[in-house]
């Protein structure tokens, strides 16, 4: 079975990366700035942000590190718990590659709030995660927690993660 909060789980958790497209609608209605301009994302933008999350989850669950990395901007920063920031696409690739090479993973992710304006948005959500080791003798892992992603709209209309941060809801084991 799985050991919750195994020391390697710190290395493995996502937030979300965590991630799910279409799990929940964006919350709230239109917002306004002090000047009265609407800050609501367009339906196309919300769809594209959910598509980024869906692509991440599908790629991670398939063990495809190239596709996982593709949802991050070239200058993205991944902020996993208890580790230094992973800056740039190569560092993000290395982080997720370590996980996906060692484990078969299953992410269940959901968006609770997606909001933004212009070419920036944030996605606040939750995740459940399991990892089955590919090598015998290693324990599996399970976790659940929350994530926040900051996404930037690309020239082609897609949205990519520029900041991805997640943390467990489970108590740390000492």
N, C-alpha and C. Protein backbone atom coordinates (compact mmCIF):
# COMPACT_ATOMS: atom_id res chain seq x y z
N UNK A 1 0.83 -1.18 0.00
CA UNK A 1 0.00 0.00 0.00
C UNK A 1 0.87 1.25 0.00
N UNK A 2 0.25 2.38 0.14
CA UNK A 2 0.96 3.65 0.06
C UNK A 2 1.25 4.19 1.45
N UNK A 3 2.39 4.83 1.54
CA UNK A 3 2.76 5.52 2.77
C UNK A 3 2.54 7.00 2.55
N UNK A 4 1.71 7.58 3.35
CA UNK A 4 1.43 8.99 3.23
C UNK A 4 2.61 9.79 3.76
N UNK A 5 2.97 10.83 3.03
CA UNK A 5 4.05 11.76 3.42
C UNK A 5 5.38 11.07 3.58
N UNK A 6 5.67 10.08 2.76
CA UNK A 6 7.00 9.49 2.66
C UNK A 6 7.97 10.62 2.36
N UNK A 7 9.23 10.58 2.81
CA UNK A 7 10.13 11.70 2.55
C UNK A 7 10.23 12.08 1.08
N UNK A 8 10.12 11.15 0.18
CA UNK A 8 10.18 11.49 -1.24
C UNK A 8 8.93 12.20 -1.72
N UNK A 9 7.84 12.13 -0.95
CA UNK A 9 6.61 12.76 -1.41
C UNK A 9 6.77 14.26 -1.57
N UNK A 10 7.67 14.84 -0.78
CA UNK A 10 7.94 16.26 -0.91
C UNK A 10 8.43 16.55 -2.33
N UNK A 11 9.26 15.65 -2.85
CA UNK A 11 9.79 15.79 -4.20
C UNK A 11 8.72 15.59 -5.25
N UNK A 12 7.70 14.83 -4.92
CA UNK A 12 6.78 14.34 -5.92
C UNK A 12 5.48 15.11 -6.07
N UNK A 13 5.10 15.87 -5.12
CA UNK A 13 3.77 16.46 -5.14
C UNK A 13 3.65 17.56 -6.18
N UNK A 14 2.50 17.70 -6.62
CA UNK A 14 2.17 18.75 -7.57
C UNK A 14 1.07 19.63 -7.00
N UNK A 15 1.15 20.57 -7.55
CA UNK A 15 0.02 21.38 -7.42
C UNK A 15 -0.39 21.81 -8.66
N UNK A 16 0.00 21.57 -8.64
CA UNK A 16 -0.89 21.65 -9.34
C UNK A 16 -0.82 22.05 -10.19
N UNK A 17 0.82 21.55 -9.66
CA UNK A 17 0.61 21.11 -10.83
C UNK A 17 -0.48 20.58 -10.66
N UNK A 18 -0.51 20.71 -10.51
CA UNK A 18 -1.60 20.31 -10.32
C UNK A 18 -2.85 20.60 -10.86
N UNK A 19 -3.88 19.67 -11.08
CA UNK A 19 -4.36 20.36 -12.23
C UNK A 19 -5.54 19.62 -12.82
N UNK A 20 -6.49 20.36 -13.29
CA UNK A 20 -7.61 19.71 -13.94
C UNK A 20 -8.31 20.73 -14.81
N UNK A 21 -8.47 20.40 -16.01
CA UNK A 21 -9.25 21.26 -16.88
C UNK A 21 -10.71 20.87 -16.78
N UNK A 22 -11.55 21.83 -16.67
CA UNK A 22 -12.98 21.56 -16.69
C UNK A 22 -13.53 20.93 -15.44
N UNK A 23 -12.78 20.86 -14.36
CA UNK A 23 -13.30 20.24 -13.14
C UNK A 23 -14.29 21.14 -12.42
N UNK A 24 -14.03 22.44 -12.45
CA UNK A 24 -14.92 23.40 -11.82
C UNK A 24 -14.95 24.66 -12.65
N UNK A 25 -16.02 25.34 -12.69
CA UNK A 25 -16.03 26.61 -13.41
C UNK A 25 -15.29 27.67 -12.62
N UNK A 26 -14.88 28.73 -13.29
CA UNK A 26 -14.26 29.85 -12.60
C UNK A 26 -15.29 30.42 -11.64
N UNK A 27 -14.82 30.90 -10.52
CA UNK A 27 -15.77 31.42 -9.54
C UNK A 27 -16.00 32.90 -9.75
N UNK A 28 -17.14 33.34 -9.25
CA UNK A 28 -17.44 34.76 -9.26
C UNK A 28 -17.86 35.27 -10.61
N UNK A 29 -18.35 36.46 -10.62
CA UNK A 29 -18.77 37.10 -11.85
C UNK A 29 -17.73 38.11 -12.29
N UNK A 30 -18.10 39.00 -13.18
CA UNK A 30 -17.17 40.01 -13.66
C UNK A 30 -16.66 40.88 -12.52
N UNK A 31 -15.42 41.23 -12.59
CA UNK A 31 -14.80 42.12 -11.62
C UNK A 31 -14.49 43.43 -12.34
N UNK A 32 -14.32 44.49 -11.59
CA UNK A 32 -13.97 45.77 -12.20
C UNK A 32 -12.78 46.36 -11.48
N UNK A 33 -11.98 47.11 -12.23
CA UNK A 33 -10.87 47.84 -11.65
C UNK A 33 -11.39 49.18 -11.18
N UNK A 34 -10.53 49.99 -10.56
CA UNK A 34 -10.93 51.31 -10.10
C UNK A 34 -11.42 52.18 -11.26
N UNK A 35 -10.89 51.93 -12.46
CA UNK A 35 -11.31 52.71 -13.62
C UNK A 35 -12.60 52.19 -14.23
N UNK A 36 -13.12 51.06 -13.71
CA UNK A 36 -14.35 50.49 -14.20
C UNK A 36 -14.16 49.46 -15.31
N UNK A 37 -12.91 49.22 -15.74
CA UNK A 37 -12.65 48.25 -16.80
C UNK A 37 -12.85 46.82 -16.27
N UNK A 38 -13.45 45.98 -17.08
CA UNK A 38 -13.68 44.59 -16.69
C UNK A 38 -12.36 43.83 -16.65
N UNK A 39 -12.20 42.98 -15.65
CA UNK A 39 -11.00 42.16 -15.54
C UNK A 39 -11.31 40.68 -15.76
N UNK A 40 -12.52 40.39 -16.17
CA UNK A 40 -12.92 39.00 -16.38
C UNK A 40 -12.20 38.42 -17.60
N UNK A 41 -11.78 37.18 -17.47
CA UNK A 41 -11.19 36.46 -18.61
C UNK A 41 -12.30 36.10 -19.59
N UNK A 42 -11.94 36.02 -20.85
CA UNK A 42 -12.92 35.63 -21.86
C UNK A 42 -13.21 34.14 -21.75
N UNK A 43 -14.33 33.68 -22.27
CA UNK A 43 -14.61 32.23 -22.28
C UNK A 43 -13.50 31.45 -23.01
N UNK A 44 -12.92 32.03 -24.04
CA UNK A 44 -11.82 31.37 -24.76
C UNK A 44 -10.59 31.24 -23.88
N UNK A 45 -10.31 32.29 -23.09
CA UNK A 45 -9.17 32.23 -22.18
C UNK A 45 -9.38 31.16 -21.10
N UNK A 46 -10.57 31.12 -20.52
CA UNK A 46 -10.87 30.10 -19.51
C UNK A 46 -10.72 28.70 -20.09
N UNK A 47 -11.19 28.52 -21.30
CA UNK A 47 -11.07 27.22 -21.98
C UNK A 47 -9.59 26.87 -22.19
N UNK A 48 -8.79 27.83 -22.62
CA UNK A 48 -7.36 27.59 -22.85
C UNK A 48 -6.61 27.31 -21.55
N UNK A 49 -6.99 27.98 -20.46
CA UNK A 49 -6.35 27.72 -19.16
C UNK A 49 -6.70 26.30 -18.70
N UNK A 50 -7.96 25.93 -18.83
CA UNK A 50 -8.36 24.56 -18.48
C UNK A 50 -7.65 23.54 -19.37
N UNK A 51 -7.43 23.88 -20.63
CA UNK A 51 -6.72 22.98 -21.55
C UNK A 51 -5.28 22.76 -21.09
N UNK A 52 -4.64 23.81 -20.57
CA UNK A 52 -3.27 23.65 -20.05
C UNK A 52 -3.27 22.69 -18.88
N UNK A 53 -4.23 22.83 -17.99
CA UNK A 53 -4.31 21.93 -16.84
C UNK A 53 -4.61 20.50 -17.27
N UNK A 54 -5.51 20.35 -18.20
CA UNK A 54 -5.84 19.00 -18.71
C UNK A 54 -4.63 18.37 -19.36
N UNK A 55 -3.89 19.16 -20.14
CA UNK A 55 -2.69 18.65 -20.80
C UNK A 55 -1.64 18.21 -19.78
N UNK A 56 -1.47 19.01 -18.71
CA UNK A 56 -0.51 18.63 -17.68
C UNK A 56 -0.90 17.30 -17.03
N UNK A 57 -2.14 17.20 -16.59
CA UNK A 57 -2.59 15.99 -15.90
C UNK A 57 -2.49 14.77 -16.79
N UNK A 58 -2.93 14.88 -18.04
CA UNK A 58 -2.86 13.75 -18.97
C UNK A 58 -1.41 13.34 -19.21
N UNK A 59 -0.53 14.31 -19.38
CA UNK A 59 0.88 14.01 -19.64
C UNK A 59 1.54 13.36 -18.42
N UNK A 60 1.28 13.89 -17.24
CA UNK A 60 1.86 13.32 -16.02
C UNK A 60 1.37 11.89 -15.81
N UNK A 61 0.06 11.69 -15.96
CA UNK A 61 -0.50 10.35 -15.76
C UNK A 61 0.01 9.36 -16.81
N UNK A 62 0.41 9.85 -17.99
CA UNK A 62 0.97 9.01 -19.05
C UNK A 62 2.48 8.84 -18.90
N UNK A 63 3.10 9.58 -17.96
CA UNK A 63 4.54 9.49 -17.77
C UNK A 63 5.34 10.23 -18.84
N UNK A 64 4.75 11.21 -19.50
CA UNK A 64 5.37 11.92 -20.62
C UNK A 64 5.97 13.24 -20.14
N UNK A 65 7.26 13.21 -19.79
CA UNK A 65 7.91 14.40 -19.22
C UNK A 65 7.98 15.53 -20.24
N UNK A 66 8.15 15.23 -21.53
CA UNK A 66 8.19 16.30 -22.53
C UNK A 66 6.87 17.05 -22.59
N UNK A 67 5.77 16.33 -22.55
CA UNK A 67 4.46 16.97 -22.58
C UNK A 67 4.16 17.71 -21.28
N UNK A 68 4.62 17.19 -20.15
CA UNK A 68 4.47 17.92 -18.88
C UNK A 68 5.21 19.24 -18.97
N UNK A 69 6.45 19.18 -19.42
CA UNK A 69 7.29 20.38 -19.50
C UNK A 69 6.71 21.40 -20.47
N UNK A 70 6.02 20.96 -21.50
CA UNK A 70 5.49 21.85 -22.52
C UNK A 70 4.44 22.82 -21.98
N UNK A 71 3.81 22.52 -20.85
CA UNK A 71 2.80 23.45 -20.31
C UNK A 71 3.43 24.59 -19.51
N UNK A 72 4.74 24.55 -19.34
CA UNK A 72 5.46 25.61 -18.61
C UNK A 72 6.10 26.58 -19.60
N UNK A 73 6.10 27.86 -19.26
CA UNK A 73 6.83 28.86 -20.04
C UNK A 73 8.33 28.59 -19.91
N UNK A 74 9.09 29.09 -20.86
CA UNK A 74 10.54 28.84 -20.85
C UNK A 74 11.20 29.40 -19.59
N UNK A 75 10.65 30.45 -19.02
CA UNK A 75 11.22 31.07 -17.82
C UNK A 75 10.41 30.77 -16.56
N UNK A 76 9.65 29.68 -16.58
CA UNK A 76 8.77 29.32 -15.45
C UNK A 76 9.56 29.00 -14.19
N UNK A 77 8.88 29.13 -13.06
CA UNK A 77 9.43 28.74 -11.76
C UNK A 77 8.45 27.78 -11.10
N UNK A 78 8.94 26.61 -10.75
CA UNK A 78 8.18 25.61 -9.99
C UNK A 78 8.62 25.73 -8.54
N UNK A 79 7.65 25.82 -7.62
CA UNK A 79 7.93 26.01 -6.20
C UNK A 79 7.40 24.82 -5.40
N UNK A 80 8.14 23.69 -5.42
CA UNK A 80 7.71 22.53 -4.64
C UNK A 80 8.03 22.74 -3.16
N UNK A 81 7.29 22.09 -2.28
CA UNK A 81 7.57 22.25 -0.85
C UNK A 81 8.93 21.67 -0.46
N UNK A 82 9.57 22.33 0.46
CA UNK A 82 10.81 21.86 1.06
C UNK A 82 11.97 21.70 0.09
N UNK A 83 11.91 22.38 -1.03
CA UNK A 83 12.99 22.39 -2.01
C UNK A 83 13.18 23.81 -2.52
N UNK A 84 14.36 24.12 -3.04
CA UNK A 84 14.55 25.44 -3.62
C UNK A 84 13.70 25.60 -4.88
N UNK A 85 13.47 26.83 -5.29
CA UNK A 85 12.74 27.04 -6.54
C UNK A 85 13.44 26.35 -7.71
N UNK A 86 12.64 25.77 -8.59
CA UNK A 86 13.14 25.14 -9.81
C UNK A 86 12.88 26.15 -10.92
N UNK A 87 13.94 26.83 -11.37
CA UNK A 87 13.79 27.96 -12.30
C UNK A 87 14.16 27.57 -13.72
N UNK A 88 13.27 27.85 -14.65
CA UNK A 88 13.51 27.58 -16.06
C UNK A 88 13.01 26.20 -16.47
N UNK A 89 12.76 26.06 -17.75
CA UNK A 89 12.17 24.83 -18.27
C UNK A 89 13.08 23.62 -18.04
N UNK A 90 14.41 23.79 -18.12
CA UNK A 90 15.30 22.65 -17.89
C UNK A 90 15.19 22.13 -16.46
N UNK A 91 15.10 23.04 -15.49
CA UNK A 91 14.95 22.63 -14.09
C UNK A 91 13.59 21.97 -13.87
N UNK A 92 12.55 22.51 -14.49
CA UNK A 92 11.22 21.92 -14.38
C UNK A 92 11.24 20.51 -14.99
N UNK A 93 11.87 20.36 -16.15
CA UNK A 93 11.99 19.05 -16.80
C UNK A 93 12.73 18.05 -15.90
N UNK A 94 13.79 18.49 -15.28
CA UNK A 94 14.56 17.62 -14.39
C UNK A 94 13.72 17.18 -13.20
N UNK A 95 13.00 18.12 -12.60
CA UNK A 95 12.16 17.80 -11.44
C UNK A 95 11.11 16.75 -11.79
N UNK A 96 10.30 17.04 -12.81
CA UNK A 96 9.24 16.11 -13.19
C UNK A 96 9.80 14.83 -13.80
N UNK A 97 10.93 14.92 -14.51
CA UNK A 97 11.56 13.73 -15.07
C UNK A 97 11.99 12.76 -13.97
N UNK A 98 12.51 13.29 -12.87
CA UNK A 98 12.89 12.43 -11.75
C UNK A 98 11.71 11.66 -11.20
N UNK A 99 10.59 12.33 -11.08
CA UNK A 99 9.37 11.69 -10.59
C UNK A 99 8.86 10.65 -11.58
N UNK A 100 8.71 11.06 -12.83
CA UNK A 100 8.08 10.18 -13.81
C UNK A 100 8.96 9.01 -14.22
N UNK A 101 10.27 9.14 -14.08
CA UNK A 101 11.16 8.01 -14.34
C UNK A 101 11.11 6.97 -13.22
N UNK A 102 10.84 7.41 -12.00
CA UNK A 102 10.86 6.52 -10.84
C UNK A 102 9.48 5.96 -10.48
N UNK A 103 8.41 6.64 -10.87
CA UNK A 103 7.07 6.26 -10.43
C UNK A 103 6.06 6.32 -11.56
N UNK A 104 5.07 5.49 -11.48
CA UNK A 104 3.84 5.63 -12.26
C UNK A 104 2.90 6.44 -11.39
N UNK A 105 2.43 7.56 -11.91
CA UNK A 105 1.67 8.49 -11.08
C UNK A 105 0.22 8.59 -11.54
N UNK A 106 -0.58 9.06 -10.62
CA UNK A 106 -1.99 9.35 -10.91
C UNK A 106 -2.36 10.62 -10.17
N UNK A 107 -2.63 11.68 -10.93
CA UNK A 107 -3.08 12.94 -10.37
C UNK A 107 -4.57 13.07 -10.58
N UNK A 108 -5.28 13.48 -9.56
CA UNK A 108 -6.68 13.90 -9.64
C UNK A 108 -6.69 15.34 -9.17
N UNK A 109 -7.04 16.24 -10.08
CA UNK A 109 -6.89 17.66 -9.81
C UNK A 109 -8.18 18.41 -10.09
N UNK A 110 -8.37 19.49 -9.38
CA UNK A 110 -9.55 20.31 -9.59
C UNK A 110 -9.27 21.77 -9.40
N UNK A 111 -9.83 22.59 -10.26
CA UNK A 111 -9.72 24.04 -10.15
C UNK A 111 -10.87 24.56 -9.30
N UNK A 112 -10.57 25.41 -8.34
CA UNK A 112 -11.59 26.03 -7.50
C UNK A 112 -11.87 27.46 -7.95
N UNK A 113 -10.84 28.17 -8.38
CA UNK A 113 -10.97 29.55 -8.83
C UNK A 113 -9.99 29.80 -9.96
N UNK A 114 -10.49 30.36 -11.04
CA UNK A 114 -9.63 30.85 -12.12
C UNK A 114 -10.04 32.29 -12.37
N UNK A 115 -9.08 33.20 -12.24
CA UNK A 115 -9.35 34.62 -12.48
C UNK A 115 -8.11 35.24 -13.10
N UNK A 116 -8.30 36.38 -13.71
CA UNK A 116 -7.18 37.10 -14.29
C UNK A 116 -7.64 38.26 -15.14
N UNK A 117 -6.70 38.87 -15.80
CA UNK A 117 -7.00 39.96 -16.73
C UNK A 117 -5.85 40.03 -17.73
N UNK A 118 -6.18 40.48 -18.92
CA UNK A 118 -5.16 40.63 -19.94
C UNK A 118 -4.47 39.31 -20.23
N UNK A 119 -3.15 39.31 -20.11
CA UNK A 119 -2.39 38.11 -20.43
C UNK A 119 -1.90 37.35 -19.20
N UNK A 120 -2.44 37.67 -18.00
CA UNK A 120 -2.09 36.97 -16.77
C UNK A 120 -3.34 36.43 -16.08
N UNK A 121 -3.20 35.24 -15.52
CA UNK A 121 -4.31 34.62 -14.79
C UNK A 121 -3.74 33.77 -13.67
N UNK A 122 -4.59 33.46 -12.72
CA UNK A 122 -4.20 32.49 -11.69
C UNK A 122 -5.27 31.41 -11.58
N UNK A 123 -4.82 30.24 -11.17
CA UNK A 123 -5.67 29.08 -10.98
C UNK A 123 -5.39 28.56 -9.58
N UNK A 124 -6.40 28.55 -8.74
CA UNK A 124 -6.30 28.06 -7.37
C UNK A 124 -7.10 26.77 -7.30
N UNK A 125 -6.49 25.69 -6.82
CA UNK A 125 -7.20 24.42 -6.82
C UNK A 125 -6.67 23.42 -5.81
N UNK A 126 -7.06 22.17 -6.04
CA UNK A 126 -6.72 21.08 -5.11
C UNK A 126 -6.30 19.84 -5.90
N UNK A 127 -5.59 18.92 -5.23
CA UNK A 127 -5.13 17.71 -5.90
C UNK A 127 -5.16 16.50 -4.97
N UNK A 128 -5.20 15.34 -5.58
CA UNK A 128 -4.91 14.06 -4.94
C UNK A 128 -3.87 13.39 -5.81
N UNK A 129 -2.96 12.67 -5.18
CA UNK A 129 -1.82 12.14 -5.90
C UNK A 129 -1.47 10.76 -5.36
N UNK A 130 -1.19 9.84 -6.25
CA UNK A 130 -0.61 8.55 -5.85
C UNK A 130 0.55 8.25 -6.77
N UNK A 131 1.51 7.52 -6.25
CA UNK A 131 2.69 7.13 -7.02
C UNK A 131 3.05 5.70 -6.68
N UNK A 132 3.17 4.89 -7.72
CA UNK A 132 3.57 3.49 -7.56
C UNK A 132 4.99 3.39 -8.10
N UNK A 133 5.93 2.90 -7.28
CA UNK A 133 7.32 2.83 -7.74
C UNK A 133 7.49 1.84 -8.89
N UNK A 134 8.35 2.20 -9.82
CA UNK A 134 8.65 1.32 -10.95
C UNK A 134 9.64 0.23 -10.53
N UNK A 135 10.47 0.51 -9.53
CA UNK A 135 11.43 -0.46 -9.00
C UNK A 135 10.86 -1.13 -7.76
N UNK A 136 11.04 -2.41 -7.65
CA UNK A 136 10.55 -3.14 -6.47
C UNK A 136 11.34 -2.72 -5.24
N UNK A 137 10.67 -2.80 -4.10
CA UNK A 137 11.32 -2.50 -2.84
C UNK A 137 11.15 -1.06 -2.37
N UNK A 138 10.68 -0.19 -3.21
CA UNK A 138 10.44 1.19 -2.80
C UNK A 138 8.98 1.32 -2.40
N UNK A 139 8.70 2.16 -1.40
CA UNK A 139 7.29 2.36 -1.02
C UNK A 139 6.57 3.27 -2.00
N UNK A 140 5.27 3.09 -2.10
CA UNK A 140 4.45 4.01 -2.87
C UNK A 140 4.11 5.22 -2.03
N UNK A 141 3.44 6.17 -2.64
CA UNK A 141 3.10 7.40 -1.94
C UNK A 141 1.68 7.84 -2.28
N UNK A 142 1.12 8.61 -1.37
CA UNK A 142 -0.19 9.23 -1.60
C UNK A 142 -0.19 10.57 -0.88
N UNK A 143 -0.87 11.54 -1.47
CA UNK A 143 -0.95 12.86 -0.86
C UNK A 143 -2.18 13.57 -1.40
N UNK A 144 -2.57 14.60 -0.70
CA UNK A 144 -3.60 15.52 -1.19
C UNK A 144 -3.23 16.90 -0.70
N UNK A 145 -3.59 17.90 -1.47
CA UNK A 145 -3.23 19.26 -1.08
C UNK A 145 -3.84 20.30 -2.00
N UNK A 146 -3.18 21.45 -2.04
CA UNK A 146 -3.69 22.58 -2.80
C UNK A 146 -2.56 23.14 -3.67
N UNK A 147 -2.97 23.91 -4.70
CA UNK A 147 -1.99 24.52 -5.58
C UNK A 147 -2.45 25.90 -6.01
N UNK A 148 -1.49 26.69 -6.45
CA UNK A 148 -1.77 27.94 -7.14
C UNK A 148 -0.81 28.01 -8.33
N UNK A 149 -1.37 28.36 -9.47
CA UNK A 149 -0.58 28.53 -10.68
C UNK A 149 -0.81 29.95 -11.18
N UNK A 150 0.24 30.56 -11.67
CA UNK A 150 0.12 31.81 -12.40
C UNK A 150 0.44 31.47 -13.84
N UNK A 151 -0.46 31.85 -14.73
CA UNK A 151 -0.32 31.53 -16.15
C UNK A 151 -0.20 32.81 -16.97
N UNK A 152 0.53 32.71 -18.07
CA UNK A 152 0.69 33.84 -18.98
C UNK A 152 0.24 33.42 -20.37
N UNK A 153 -0.54 34.27 -20.99
CA UNK A 153 -1.02 34.01 -22.34
C UNK A 153 0.12 34.16 -23.33
N UNK A 154 0.27 33.20 -24.21
CA UNK A 154 1.32 33.18 -25.21
C UNK A 154 0.82 33.83 -26.51
N UNK A 155 1.73 34.21 -27.38
CA UNK A 155 1.32 34.84 -28.65
C UNK A 155 0.37 33.97 -29.48
N UNK A 156 0.45 32.64 -29.34
CA UNK A 156 -0.45 31.76 -30.10
C UNK A 156 -1.82 31.57 -29.44
N UNK A 157 -2.06 32.25 -28.30
CA UNK A 157 -3.34 32.15 -27.60
C UNK A 157 -3.37 31.10 -26.51
N UNK A 158 -2.35 30.24 -26.46
CA UNK A 158 -2.29 29.24 -25.39
C UNK A 158 -1.85 29.91 -24.10
N UNK A 159 -2.06 29.23 -22.97
CA UNK A 159 -1.64 29.71 -21.66
C UNK A 159 -0.61 28.74 -21.11
N UNK A 160 0.48 29.26 -20.55
CA UNK A 160 1.54 28.42 -19.95
C UNK A 160 1.78 28.88 -18.51
N UNK A 161 2.21 27.92 -17.70
CA UNK A 161 2.54 28.23 -16.31
C UNK A 161 3.82 29.05 -16.26
N UNK A 162 3.78 30.16 -15.52
CA UNK A 162 4.98 30.92 -15.23
C UNK A 162 5.40 30.72 -13.77
N UNK A 163 4.44 30.42 -12.91
CA UNK A 163 4.71 30.04 -11.51
C UNK A 163 3.75 28.92 -11.15
N UNK A 164 4.29 27.88 -10.53
CA UNK A 164 3.49 26.73 -10.11
C UNK A 164 3.94 26.37 -8.69
N UNK A 165 3.01 26.44 -7.73
CA UNK A 165 3.34 26.17 -6.33
C UNK A 165 2.27 25.27 -5.74
N UNK A 166 2.70 24.30 -4.94
CA UNK A 166 1.75 23.39 -4.31
C UNK A 166 2.25 22.98 -2.94
N UNK A 167 1.29 22.50 -2.10
CA UNK A 167 1.67 21.99 -0.78
C UNK A 167 0.62 21.00 -0.29
N UNK A 168 1.05 20.12 0.56
CA UNK A 168 0.22 19.06 1.10
C UNK A 168 -0.75 19.60 2.15
N UNK A 169 -1.90 18.95 2.26
CA UNK A 169 -2.81 19.20 3.36
C UNK A 169 -2.55 18.26 4.53
N UNK A 170 -1.74 17.24 4.32
CA UNK A 170 -1.48 16.24 5.35
C UNK A 170 -0.42 16.74 6.33
N UNK A 171 -0.54 16.33 7.57
CA UNK A 171 0.42 16.70 8.60
C UNK A 171 1.77 16.06 8.28
N UNK A 172 2.82 16.82 8.51
CA UNK A 172 4.18 16.31 8.29
C UNK A 172 4.47 15.20 9.30
N UNK A 173 5.14 14.17 8.82
CA UNK A 173 5.55 13.08 9.71
C UNK A 173 6.97 13.32 10.13
N UNK A 174 7.22 13.18 11.41
CA UNK A 174 8.56 13.46 11.92
C UNK A 174 9.26 12.18 12.28
